[in-house]
Amino acid sequence: MVLTADILGMLACTLAAFWGVASWALVRTMRQESRKVELLEGQDRIDTYSPTALAELREWIQNNHDDPLVDDARRRHNECVETLEGTDRRFYDWSDEEVERLERI
């Protein structure tokens, strides 16, 4: 079986794209994890939800009163609110105004 130049070129491009994306993802993830460790070492707690994720969790809690997991979801929501109120540095992009508007449920 003979591989033509076109096939070898496509193989090279595919491998370069794969390793490029994989390397970028690895570096990005390691930087995020390093930042999380730094925050945990400095303040012993870290916010667990982004503004969008916490809003979605709150909406889910409000729409699923009878779900057996609603108490656990409510506890996690309130823990995140308490953490946000008790920390100065946050992992996710929370503004002070957003944190001030948060309420426990």
PDB file of N, CA and C in Angstrom:
ATOM      1  N   MET A   1       0.841  -1.163   0.000  1.00  0.00           N
ATOM      2  CA  MET A   1       0.000   0.000   0.000  1.00  0.00           C
ATOM      3  C   MET A   1       0.901   1.245   0.000  1.00  0.00           C
ATOM      4  N   VAL A   2       0.677   2.110  -0.942  1.00  0.00           N
ATOM      5  CA  VAL A   2       1.480   3.316  -1.106  1.00  0.00           C
ATOM      6  C   VAL A   2       0.619   4.512  -0.711  1.00  0.00           C
ATOM      7  N   LEU A   3       1.159   5.357   0.144  1.00  0.00           N
ATOM      8  CA  LEU A   3       0.449   6.556   0.548  1.00  0.00           C
ATOM      9  C   LEU A   3       0.873   7.709  -0.349  1.00  0.00           C
ATOM     10  N   THR A   4      -0.111   8.367  -0.920  1.00  0.00           N
ATOM     11  CA  THR A   4       0.189   9.489  -1.802  1.00  0.00           C
ATOM     12  C   THR A   4       0.514  10.729  -0.974  1.00  0.00           C
ATOM     13  N   ALA A   5       1.034  11.731  -1.666  1.00  0.00           N
ATOM     14  CA  ALA A   5       1.387  12.989  -1.000  1.00  0.00           C
ATOM     15  C   ALA A   5       0.146  13.646  -0.405  1.00  0.00           C
ATOM     16  N   ASP A   6      -0.999  13.536  -1.090  1.00  0.00           N
ATOM     17  CA  ASP A   6      -2.243  14.118  -0.566  1.00  0.00           C
ATOM     18  C   ASP A   6      -2.643  13.468   0.753  1.00  0.00           C
ATOM     19  N   ILE A   7      -2.535  12.148   0.813  1.00  0.00           N
ATOM     20  CA  ILE A   7      -2.906  11.429   2.037  1.00  0.00           C
ATOM     21  C   ILE A   7      -1.935  11.772   3.159  1.00  0.00           C
ATOM     22  N   LEU A   8      -0.661  11.801   2.860  1.00  0.00           N
ATOM     23  CA  LEU A   8       0.332  12.152   3.874  1.00  0.00           C
ATOM     24  C   LEU A   8       0.139  13.588   4.370  1.00  0.00           C
ATOM     25  N   GLY A   9      -0.201  14.502   3.459  1.00  0.00           N
ATOM     26  CA  GLY A   9      -0.472  15.891   3.839  1.00  0.00           C
ATOM     27  C   GLY A   9      -1.685  15.992   4.746  1.00  0.00           C
ATOM     28  N   MET A  10      -2.737  15.256   4.392  1.00  0.00           N
ATOM     29  CA  MET A  10      -3.950  15.267   5.213  1.00  0.00           C
ATOM     30  C   MET A  10      -3.671  14.670   6.586  1.00  0.00           C
ATOM     31  N   LEU A  11      -2.902  13.601   6.622  1.00  0.00           N
ATOM     32  CA  LEU A  11      -2.523  12.982   7.889  1.00  0.00           C
ATOM     33  C   LEU A  11      -1.726  13.953   8.751  1.00  0.00           C
ATOM     34  N   ALA A  12      -0.783  14.642   8.162  1.00  0.00           N
ATOM     35  CA  ALA A  12       0.027  15.609   8.899  1.00  0.00           C
ATOM     36  C   ALA A  12      -0.834  16.752   9.448  1.00  0.00           C
ATOM     37  N   CYS A  13      -1.752  17.257   8.625  1.00  0.00           N
ATOM     38  CA  CYS A  13      -2.647  18.333   9.076  1.00  0.00           C
ATOM     39  C   CYS A  13      -3.552  17.862  10.204  1.00  0.00           C
ATOM     40  N   THR A  14      -4.075  16.662  10.075  1.00  0.00           N
ATOM     41  CA  THR A  14      -4.960  16.110  11.099  1.00  0.00           C
ATOM     42  C   THR A  14      -4.218  15.938  12.421  1.00  0.00           C
ATOM     43  N   LEU A  15      -3.020  15.378  12.356  1.00  0.00           N
ATOM     44  CA  LEU A  15      -2.231  15.198  13.572  1.00  0.00           C
ATOM     45  C   LEU A  15      -1.855  16.535  14.195  1.00  0.00           C
ATOM     46  N   ALA A  16      -1.477  17.498  13.374  1.00  0.00           N
ATOM     47  CA  ALA A  16      -1.119  18.824  13.891  1.00  0.00           C
ATOM     48  C   ALA A  16      -2.320  19.478  14.560  1.00  0.00           C
ATOM     49  N   ALA A  17      -3.493  19.373  13.924  1.00  0.00           N
ATOM     50  CA  ALA A  17      -4.704  19.957  14.509  1.00  0.00           C
ATOM     51  C   ALA A  17      -5.050  19.262  15.823  1.00  0.00           C
ATOM     52  N   PHE A  18      -4.986  17.935  15.825  1.00  0.00           N
ATOM     53  CA  PHE A  18      -5.310  17.191  17.044  1.00  0.00           C
ATOM     54  C   PHE A  18      -4.387  17.585  18.185  1.00  0.00           C
ATOM     55  N   TRP A  19      -3.075  17.530  17.943  1.00  0.00           N
ATOM     56  CA  TRP A  19      -2.129  17.844  19.007  1.00  0.00           C
ATOM     57  C   TRP A  19      -2.171  19.324  19.384  1.00  0.00           C
ATOM     58  N   GLY A  20      -2.477  20.185  18.438  1.00  0.00           N
ATOM     59  CA  GLY A  20      -2.610  21.607  18.756  1.00  0.00           C
ATOM     60  C   GLY A  20      -3.768  21.869  19.692  1.00  0.00           C
ATOM     61  N   VAL A  21      -4.927  21.301  19.373  1.00  0.00           N
ATOM     62  CA  VAL A  21      -6.111  21.476  20.225  1.00  0.00           C
ATOM     63  C   VAL A  21      -5.898  20.808  21.575  1.00  0.00           C
ATOM     64  N   ALA A  22      -5.348  19.603  21.567  1.00  0.00           N
ATOM     65  CA  ALA A  22      -5.109  18.890  22.820  1.00  0.00           C
ATOM     66  C   ALA A  22      -4.132  19.658  23.709  1.00  0.00           C
ATOM     67  N   SER A  23      -3.094  20.202  23.136  1.00  0.00           N
ATOM     68  CA  SER A  23      -2.105  20.968  23.907  1.00  0.00           C
ATOM     69  C   SER A  23      -2.722  22.238  24.471  1.00  0.00           C
ATOM     70  N   TRP A  24      -3.497  22.927  23.659  1.00  0.00           N
ATOM     71  CA  TRP A  24      -4.172  24.145  24.124  1.00  0.00           C
ATOM     72  C   TRP A  24      -5.109  23.823  25.283  1.00  0.00           C
ATOM     73  N   ALA A  25      -5.893  22.760  25.153  1.00  0.00           N
ATOM     74  CA  ALA A  25      -6.832  22.377  26.209  1.00  0.00           C
ATOM     75  C   ALA A  25      -6.094  22.011  27.492  1.00  0.00           C
ATOM     76  N   LEU A  26      -5.004  21.306  27.367  1.00  0.00           N
ATOM     77  CA  LEU A  26      -4.223  20.921  28.544  1.00  0.00           C
ATOM     78  C   LEU A  26      -3.644  22.143  29.244  1.00  0.00           C
ATOM     79  N   VAL A  27      -3.055  23.044  28.495  1.00  0.00           N
ATOM     80  CA  VAL A  27      -2.470  24.251  29.085  1.00  0.00           C
ATOM     81  C   VAL A  27      -3.545  25.095  29.749  1.00  0.00           C
ATOM     82  N   ARG A  28      -4.674  25.268  29.092  1.00  0.00           N
ATOM     83  CA  ARG A  28      -5.769  26.068  29.652  1.00  0.00           C
ATOM     84  C   ARG A  28      -6.289  25.457  30.945  1.00  0.00           C
ATOM     85  N   THR A  29      -6.496  24.155  30.947  1.00  0.00           N
ATOM     86  CA  THR A  29      -6.988  23.462  32.132  1.00  0.00           C
ATOM     87  C   THR A  29      -6.003  23.565  33.282  1.00  0.00           C
ATOM     88  N   MET A  30      -4.730  23.386  32.997  1.00  0.00           N
ATOM     89  CA  MET A  30      -3.723  23.470  34.053  1.00  0.00           C
ATOM     90  C   MET A  30      -3.642  24.875  34.632  1.00  0.00           C
ATOM     91  N   ARG A  31      -3.783  25.895  33.808  1.00  0.00           N
ATOM     92  CA  ARG A  31      -3.785  27.275  34.313  1.00  0.00           C
ATOM     93  C   ARG A  31      -4.991  27.521  35.209  1.00  0.00           C
ATOM     94  N   GLN A  32      -6.166  27.008  34.798  1.00  0.00           N
ATOM     95  CA  GLN A  32      -7.362  27.171  35.620  1.00  0.00           C
ATOM     96  C   GLN A  32      -7.205  26.463  36.960  1.00  0.00           C
ATOM     97  N   GLU A  33      -6.686  25.249  36.929  1.00  0.00           N
ATOM     98  CA  GLU A  33      -6.511  24.494  38.168  1.00  0.00           C
ATOM     99  C   GLU A  33      -5.479  25.164  39.070  1.00  0.00           C
ATOM    100  N   SER A  34      -4.445  25.718  38.484  1.00  0.00           N
ATOM    101  CA  SER A  34      -3.445  26.435  39.257  1.00  0.00           C
ATOM    102  C   SER A  34      -4.061  27.658  39.937  1.00  0.00           C
ATOM    103  N   ARG A  35      -4.908  28.343  39.216  1.00  0.00           N
ATOM    104  CA  ARG A  35      -5.587  29.519  39.791  1.00  0.00           C
ATOM    105  C   ARG A  35      -6.517  29.101  40.925  1.00  0.00           C
ATOM    106  N   LYS A  36      -7.215  27.977  40.756  1.00  0.00           N
ATOM    107  CA  LYS A  36      -8.092  27.480  41.816  1.00  0.00           C
ATOM    108  C   LYS A  36      -7.292  27.152  43.072  1.00  0.00           C
ATOM    109  N   VAL A  37      -6.152  26.484  42.898  1.00  0.00           N
ATOM    110  CA  VAL A  37      -5.309  26.129  44.039  1.00  0.00           C
ATOM    111  C   VAL A  37      -4.821  27.392  44.741  1.00  0.00           C
ATOM    112  N   GLU A  38      -4.422  28.374  43.963  1.00  0.00           N
ATOM    113  CA  GLU A  38      -3.961  29.643  44.535  1.00  0.00           C
ATOM    114  C   GLU A  38      -5.067  30.294  45.363  1.00  0.00           C
ATOM    115  N   LEU A  39      -6.284  30.294  44.837  1.00  0.00           N
ATOM    116  CA  LEU A  39      -7.405  30.878  45.573  1.00  0.00           C
ATOM    117  C   LEU A  39      -7.698  30.086  46.846  1.00  0.00           C
ATOM    118  N   LEU A  40      -7.671  28.780  46.753  1.00  0.00           N
ATOM    119  CA  LEU A  40      -7.932  27.949  47.932  1.00  0.00           C
ATOM    120  C   LEU A  40      -6.862  28.131  49.003  1.00  0.00           C
ATOM    121  N   GLU A  41      -5.620  28.252  48.590  1.00  0.00           N
ATOM    122  CA  GLU A  41      -4.545  28.460  49.561  1.00  0.00           C
ATOM    123  C   GLU A  41      -4.655  29.823  50.231  1.00  0.00           C
ATOM    124  N   GLY A  42      -5.126  30.810  49.489  1.00  0.00           N
ATOM    125  CA  GLY A  42      -5.210  32.164  50.024  1.00  0.00           C
ATOM    126  C   GLY A  42      -6.431  32.445  50.869  1.00  0.00           C
ATOM    127  N   GLN A  43      -7.554  31.802  50.551  1.00  0.00           N
ATOM    128  CA  GLN A  43      -8.772  32.137  51.284  1.00  0.00           C
ATOM    129  C   GLN A  43      -9.544  30.908  51.758  1.00  0.00           C
ATOM    130  N   ASP A  44      -9.054  29.733  51.502  1.00  0.00           N
ATOM    131  CA  ASP A  44      -9.599  28.479  52.023  1.00  0.00           C
ATOM    132  C   ASP A  44     -10.962  28.096  51.438  1.00  0.00           C
ATOM    133  N   ARG A  45     -11.532  28.910  50.553  1.00  0.00           N
ATOM    134  CA  ARG A  45     -12.795  28.590  49.896  1.00  0.00           C
ATOM    135  C   ARG A  45     -12.776  29.159  48.483  1.00  0.00           C
ATOM    136  N   ILE A  46     -13.654  28.602  47.651  1.00  0.00           N
ATOM    137  CA  ILE A  46     -13.734  29.069  46.273  1.00  0.00           C
ATOM    138  C   ILE A  46     -15.188  28.961  45.812  1.00  0.00           C
ATOM    139  N   ASP A  47     -15.600  29.887  44.962  1.00  0.00           N
ATOM    140  CA  ASP A  47     -16.960  29.829  44.418  1.00  0.00           C
ATOM    141  C   ASP A  47     -17.073  28.611  43.504  1.00  0.00           C
ATOM    142  N   THR A  48     -18.202  27.945  43.607  1.00  0.00           N
ATOM    143  CA  THR A  48     -18.370  26.684  42.885  1.00  0.00           C
ATOM    144  C   THR A  48     -19.202  26.807  41.618  1.00  0.00           C
ATOM    145  N   TYR A  49     -19.873  27.916  41.438  1.00  0.00           N
ATOM    146  CA  TYR A  49     -20.724  28.091  40.263  1.00  0.00           C
ATOM    147  C   TYR A  49     -20.457  29.437  39.604  1.00  0.00           C
ATOM    148  N   SER A  50     -20.559  29.449  38.282  1.00  0.00           N
ATOM    149  CA  SER A  50     -20.493  30.708  37.542  1.00  0.00           C
ATOM    150  C   SER A  50     -21.837  31.418  37.713  1.00  0.00           C
ATOM    151  N   PRO A  51     -21.917  32.696  37.378  1.00  0.00           N
ATOM    152  CA  PRO A  51     -23.199  33.393  37.476  1.00  0.00           C
ATOM    153  C   PRO A  51     -24.309  32.694  36.678  1.00  0.00           C
ATOM    154  N   THR A  52     -23.999  32.232  35.485  1.00  0.00           N
ATOM    155  CA  THR A  52     -25.003  31.551  34.658  1.00  0.00           C
ATOM    156  C   THR A  52     -25.428  30.238  35.294  1.00  0.00           C
ATOM    157  N   ALA A  53     -24.463  29.463  35.766  1.00  0.00           N
ATOM    158  CA  ALA A  53     -24.779  28.164  36.366  1.00  0.00           C
ATOM    159  C   ALA A  53     -25.598  28.330  37.640  1.00  0.00           C
ATOM    160  N   LEU A  54     -25.281  29.313  38.470  1.00  0.00           N
ATOM    161  CA  LEU A  54     -26.043  29.522  39.700  1.00  0.00           C
ATOM    162  C   LEU A  54     -27.459  29.988  39.381  1.00  0.00           C
ATOM    163  N   ALA A  55     -27.610  30.821  38.362  1.00  0.00           N
ATOM    164  CA  ALA A  55     -28.956  31.251  37.947  1.00  0.00           C
ATOM    165  C   ALA A  55     -29.767  30.064  37.438  1.00  0.00           C
ATOM    166  N   GLU A  56     -29.133  29.179  36.690  1.00  0.00           N
ATOM    167  CA  GLU A  56     -29.826  27.987  36.197  1.00  0.00           C
ATOM    168  C   GLU A  56     -30.196  27.053  37.344  1.00  0.00           C
ATOM    169  N   LEU A  57     -29.316  26.920  38.329  1.00  0.00           N
ATOM    170  CA  LEU A  57     -29.626  26.096  39.496  1.00  0.00           C
ATOM    171  C   LEU A  57     -30.801  26.680  40.265  1.00  0.00           C
ATOM    172  N   ARG A  58     -30.800  27.982  40.447  1.00  0.00           N
ATOM    173  CA  ARG A  58     -31.908  28.646  41.156  1.00  0.00           C
ATOM    174  C   ARG A  58     -33.223  28.433  40.405  1.00  0.00           C
ATOM    175  N   GLU A  59     -33.186  28.573  39.089  1.00  0.00           N
ATOM    176  CA  GLU A  59     -34.384  28.363  38.275  1.00  0.00           C
ATOM    177  C   GLU A  59     -34.862  26.913  38.393  1.00  0.00           C
ATOM    178  N   TRP A  60     -33.942  25.964  38.376  1.00  0.00           N
ATOM    179  CA  TRP A  60     -34.308  24.557  38.505  1.00  0.00           C
ATOM    180  C   TRP A  60     -34.972  24.303  39.855  1.00  0.00           C
ATOM    181  N   ILE A  61     -34.415  24.887  40.919  1.00  0.00           N
ATOM    182  CA  ILE A  61     -34.990  24.723  42.258  1.00  0.00           C
ATOM    183  C   ILE A  61     -36.410  25.274  42.295  1.00  0.00           C
ATOM    184  N   GLN A  62     -36.616  26.437  41.705  1.00  0.00           N
ATOM    185  CA  GLN A  62     -37.943  27.059  41.713  1.00  0.00           C
ATOM    186  C   GLN A  62     -38.959  26.274  40.890  1.00  0.00           C
ATOM    187  N   ASN A  63     -38.495  25.565  39.865  1.00  0.00           N
ATOM    188  CA  ASN A  63     -39.407  24.822  38.989  1.00  0.00           C
ATOM    189  C   ASN A  63     -39.582  23.361  39.371  1.00  0.00           C
ATOM    190  N   ASN A  64     -38.848  22.889  40.365  1.00  0.00           N
ATOM    191  CA  ASN A  64     -38.889  21.461  40.711  1.00  0.00           C
ATOM    192  C   ASN A  64     -39.027  21.256  42.211  1.00  0.00           C
ATOM    193  N   HIS A  65     -40.064  21.820  42.795  1.00  0.00           N
ATOM    194  CA  HIS A  65     -40.272  21.744  44.242  1.00  0.00           C
ATOM    195  C   HIS A  65     -40.406  20.309  44.749  1.00  0.00           C
ATOM    196  N   ASP A  66     -40.939  19.412  43.944  1.00  0.00           N
ATOM    197  CA  ASP A  66     -41.215  18.045  44.388  1.00  0.00           C
ATOM    198  C   ASP A  66     -40.094  17.061  44.083  1.00  0.00           C
ATOM    199  N   ASP A  67     -39.046  17.505  43.450  1.00  0.00           N
ATOM    200  CA  ASP A  67     -37.954  16.607  43.089  1.00  0.00           C
ATOM    201  C   ASP A  67     -37.208  16.166  44.348  1.00  0.00           C
ATOM    202  N   PRO A  68     -36.832  14.887  44.438  1.00  0.00           N
ATOM    203  CA  PRO A  68     -36.114  14.427  45.629  1.00  0.00           C
ATOM    204  C   PRO A  68     -34.740  15.079  45.810  1.00  0.00           C
ATOM    205  N   LEU A  69     -34.185  15.659  44.768  1.00  0.00           N
ATOM    206  CA  LEU A  69     -32.867  16.293  44.856  1.00  0.00           C
ATOM    207  C   LEU A  69     -32.934  17.789  45.166  1.00  0.00           C
ATOM    208  N   VAL A  70     -34.135  18.325  45.328  1.00  0.00           N
ATOM    209  CA  VAL A  70     -34.266  19.771  45.494  1.00  0.00           C
ATOM    210  C   VAL A  70     -33.608  20.258  46.783  1.00  0.00           C
ATOM    211  N   ASP A  71     -33.647  19.478  47.851  1.00  0.00           N
ATOM    212  CA  ASP A  71     -33.014  19.912  49.101  1.00  0.00           C
ATOM    213  C   ASP A  71     -31.495  19.986  48.954  1.00  0.00           C
ATOM    214  N   ASP A  72     -30.911  19.022  48.272  1.00  0.00           N
ATOM    215  CA  ASP A  72     -29.476  19.038  48.023  1.00  0.00           C
ATOM    216  C   ASP A  72     -29.106  20.221  47.125  1.00  0.00           C
ATOM    217  N   ALA A  73     -29.907  20.466  46.098  1.00  0.00           N
ATOM    218  CA  ALA A  73     -29.654  21.597  45.193  1.00  0.00           C
ATOM    219  C   ALA A  73     -29.757  22.916  45.949  1.00  0.00           C
ATOM    220  N   ARG A  74     -30.740  23.033  46.818  1.00  0.00           N
ATOM    221  CA  ARG A  74     -30.916  24.253  47.613  1.00  0.00           C
ATOM    222  C   ARG A  74     -29.711  24.459  48.538  1.00  0.00           C
ATOM    223  N   ARG A  75     -29.237  23.376  49.154  1.00  0.00           N
ATOM    224  CA  ARG A  75     -28.078  23.458  50.034  1.00  0.00           C
ATOM    225  C   ARG A  75     -26.850  23.924  49.258  1.00  0.00           C
ATOM    226  N   ARG A  76     -26.642  23.354  48.074  1.00  0.00           N
ATOM    227  CA  ARG A  76     -25.484  23.744  47.257  1.00  0.00           C
ATOM    228  C   ARG A  76     -25.587  25.203  46.802  1.00  0.00           C
ATOM    229  N   HIS A  77     -26.786  25.628  46.458  1.00  0.00           N
ATOM    230  CA  HIS A  77     -27.003  27.024  46.066  1.00  0.00           C
ATOM    231  C   HIS A  77     -26.627  27.950  47.209  1.00  0.00           C
ATOM    232  N   ASN A  78     -27.143  27.653  48.386  1.00  0.00           N
ATOM    233  CA  ASN A  78     -26.893  28.509  49.540  1.00  0.00           C
ATOM    234  C   ASN A  78     -25.425  28.499  49.949  1.00  0.00           C
ATOM    235  N   GLU A  79     -24.754  27.352  49.836  1.00  0.00           N
ATOM    236  CA  GLU A  79     -23.320  27.289  50.121  1.00  0.00           C
ATOM    237  C   GLU A  79     -22.538  28.200  49.179  1.00  0.00           C
ATOM    238  N   CYS A  80     -22.912  28.205  47.910  1.00  0.00           N
ATOM    239  CA  CYS A  80     -22.222  29.057  46.944  1.00  0.00           C
ATOM    240  C   CYS A  80     -22.457  30.530  47.270  1.00  0.00           C
ATOM    241  N   VAL A  81     -23.689  30.885  47.635  1.00  0.00           N
ATOM    242  CA  VAL A  81     -23.989  32.273  48.002  1.00  0.00           C
ATOM    243  C   VAL A  81     -23.156  32.687  49.211  1.00  0.00           C
ATOM    244  N   GLU A  82     -23.088  31.828  50.219  1.00  0.00           N
ATOM    245  CA  GLU A  82     -22.299  32.133  51.413  1.00  0.00           C
ATOM    246  C   GLU A  82     -20.822  32.299  51.073  1.00  0.00           C
ATOM    247  N   THR A  83     -20.307  31.435  50.217  1.00  0.00           N
ATOM    248  CA  THR A  83     -18.907  31.531  49.811  1.00  0.00           C
ATOM    249  C   THR A  83     -18.652  32.835  49.071  1.00  0.00           C
ATOM    250  N   LEU A  84     -19.544  33.186  48.158  1.00  0.00           N
ATOM    251  CA  LEU A  84     -19.371  34.428  47.399  1.00  0.00           C
ATOM    252  C   LEU A  84     -19.390  35.643  48.317  1.00  0.00           C
ATOM    253  N   GLU A  85     -20.249  35.619  49.327  1.00  0.00           N
ATOM    254  CA  GLU A  85     -20.329  36.740  50.258  1.00  0.00           C
ATOM    255  C   GLU A  85     -19.114  36.801  51.186  1.00  0.00           C
ATOM    256  N   GLY A  86     -18.450  35.662  51.392  1.00  0.00           N
ATOM    257  CA  GLY A  86     -17.345  35.613  52.336  1.00  0.00           C
ATOM    258  C   GLY A  86     -15.958  35.660  51.721  1.00  0.00           C
ATOM    259  N   THR A  87     -15.868  35.811  50.415  1.00  0.00           N
ATOM    260  CA  THR A  87     -14.555  35.849  49.772  1.00  0.00           C
ATOM    261  C   THR A  87     -14.383  37.144  48.987  1.00  0.00           C
ATOM    262  N   ASP A  88     -13.148  37.575  48.908  1.00  0.00           N
ATOM    263  CA  ASP A  88     -12.833  38.789  48.146  1.00  0.00           C
ATOM    264  C   ASP A  88     -12.452  38.466  46.712  1.00  0.00           C
ATOM    265  N   ARG A  89     -11.755  37.335  46.528  1.00  0.00           N
ATOM    266  CA  ARG A  89     -11.305  36.947  45.188  1.00  0.00           C
ATOM    267  C   ARG A  89     -12.130  35.761  44.739  1.00  0.00           C
ATOM    268  N   ARG A  90     -12.575  35.818  43.488  1.00  0.00           N
ATOM    269  CA  ARG A  90     -13.458  34.775  42.968  1.00  0.00           C
ATOM    270  C   ARG A  90     -12.871  34.170  41.707  1.00  0.00           C
ATOM    271  N   PHE A  91     -13.191  32.901  41.486  1.00  0.00           N
ATOM    272  CA  PHE A  91     -12.704  32.222  40.292  1.00  0.00           C
ATOM    273  C   PHE A  91     -13.506  32.645  39.074  1.00  0.00           C
ATOM    274  N   TYR A  92     -14.818  32.658  39.210  1.00  0.00           N
ATOM    275  CA  TYR A  92     -15.680  33.033  38.089  1.00  0.00           C
ATOM    276  C   TYR A  92     -15.878  34.547  38.060  1.00  0.00           C
ATOM    277  N   ASP A  93     -16.386  35.053  36.971  1.00  0.00           N
ATOM    278  CA  ASP A  93     -16.539  36.504  36.776  1.00  0.00           C
ATOM    279  C   ASP A  93     -17.791  37.034  37.472  1.00  0.00           C
ATOM    280  N   TRP A  94     -17.723  37.149  38.779  1.00  0.00           N
ATOM    281  CA  TRP A  94     -18.814  37.715  39.561  1.00  0.00           C
ATOM    282  C   TRP A  94     -18.498  39.182  39.844  1.00  0.00           C
ATOM    283  N   SER A  95     -19.468  40.055  39.605  1.00  0.00           N
ATOM    284  CA  SER A  95     -19.281  41.447  40.013  1.00  0.00           C
ATOM    285  C   SER A  95     -19.800  41.594  41.444  1.00  0.00           C
ATOM    286  N   ASP A  96     -19.350  42.631  42.128  1.00  0.00           N
ATOM    287  CA  ASP A  96     -19.824  42.870  43.496  1.00  0.00           C
ATOM    288  C   ASP A  96     -21.337  43.109  43.510  1.00  0.00           C
ATOM    289  N   GLU A  97     -21.848  43.753  42.480  1.00  0.00           N
ATOM    290  CA  GLU A  97     -23.285  44.016  42.401  1.00  0.00           C
ATOM    291  C   GLU A  97     -24.077  42.709  42.283  1.00  0.00           C
ATOM    292  N   GLU A  98     -23.571  41.780  41.480  1.00  0.00           N
ATOM    293  CA  GLU A  98     -24.243  40.483  41.336  1.00  0.00           C
ATOM    294  C   GLU A  98     -24.262  39.734  42.664  1.00  0.00           C
ATOM    295  N   VAL A  99     -23.169  39.763  43.372  1.00  0.00           N
ATOM    296  CA  VAL A  99     -23.094  39.078  44.658  1.00  0.00           C
ATOM    297  C   VAL A  99     -24.045  39.713  45.666  1.00  0.00           C
ATOM    298  N   GLU A 100     -24.129  41.031  45.670  1.00  0.00           N
ATOM    299  CA  GLU A 100     -25.025  41.724  46.599  1.00  0.00           C
ATOM    300  C   GLU A 100     -26.486  41.392  46.333  1.00  0.00           C
ATOM    301  N   ARG A 101     -26.839  41.097  45.091  1.00  0.00           N
ATOM    302  CA  ARG A 101     -28.238  40.785  44.737  1.00  0.00           C
ATOM    303  C   ARG A 101     -28.623  39.337  45.058  1.00  0.00           C
ATOM    304  N   LEU A 102     -27.642  38.482  45.333  1.00  0.00           N
ATOM    305  CA  LEU A 102     -27.935  37.080  45.594  1.00  0.00           C
ATOM    306  C   LEU A 102     -28.684  36.909  46.908  1.00  0.00           C
ATOM    307  N   GLU A 103     -29.576  35.935  46.920  1.00  0.00           N
ATOM    308  CA  GLU A 103     -30.324  35.604  48.128  1.00  0.00           C
ATOM    309  C   GLU A 103     -30.296  34.100  48.336  1.00  0.00           C
ATOM    310  N   ARG A 104     -30.323  33.719  49.596  1.00  0.00           N
ATOM    311  CA  ARG A 104     -30.432  32.291  49.893  1.00  0.00           C
ATOM    312  C   ARG A 104     -31.867  31.851  49.636  1.00  0.00           C
ATOM    313  N   ILE A 105     -32.025  30.586  49.274  1.00  0.00           N
ATOM    314  CA  ILE A 105     -33.383  30.068  49.035  1.00  0.00           C
ATOM    315  C   ILE A 105     -33.635  28.843  49.882  1.00  0.00           C
TER     316      ILE A 105
END
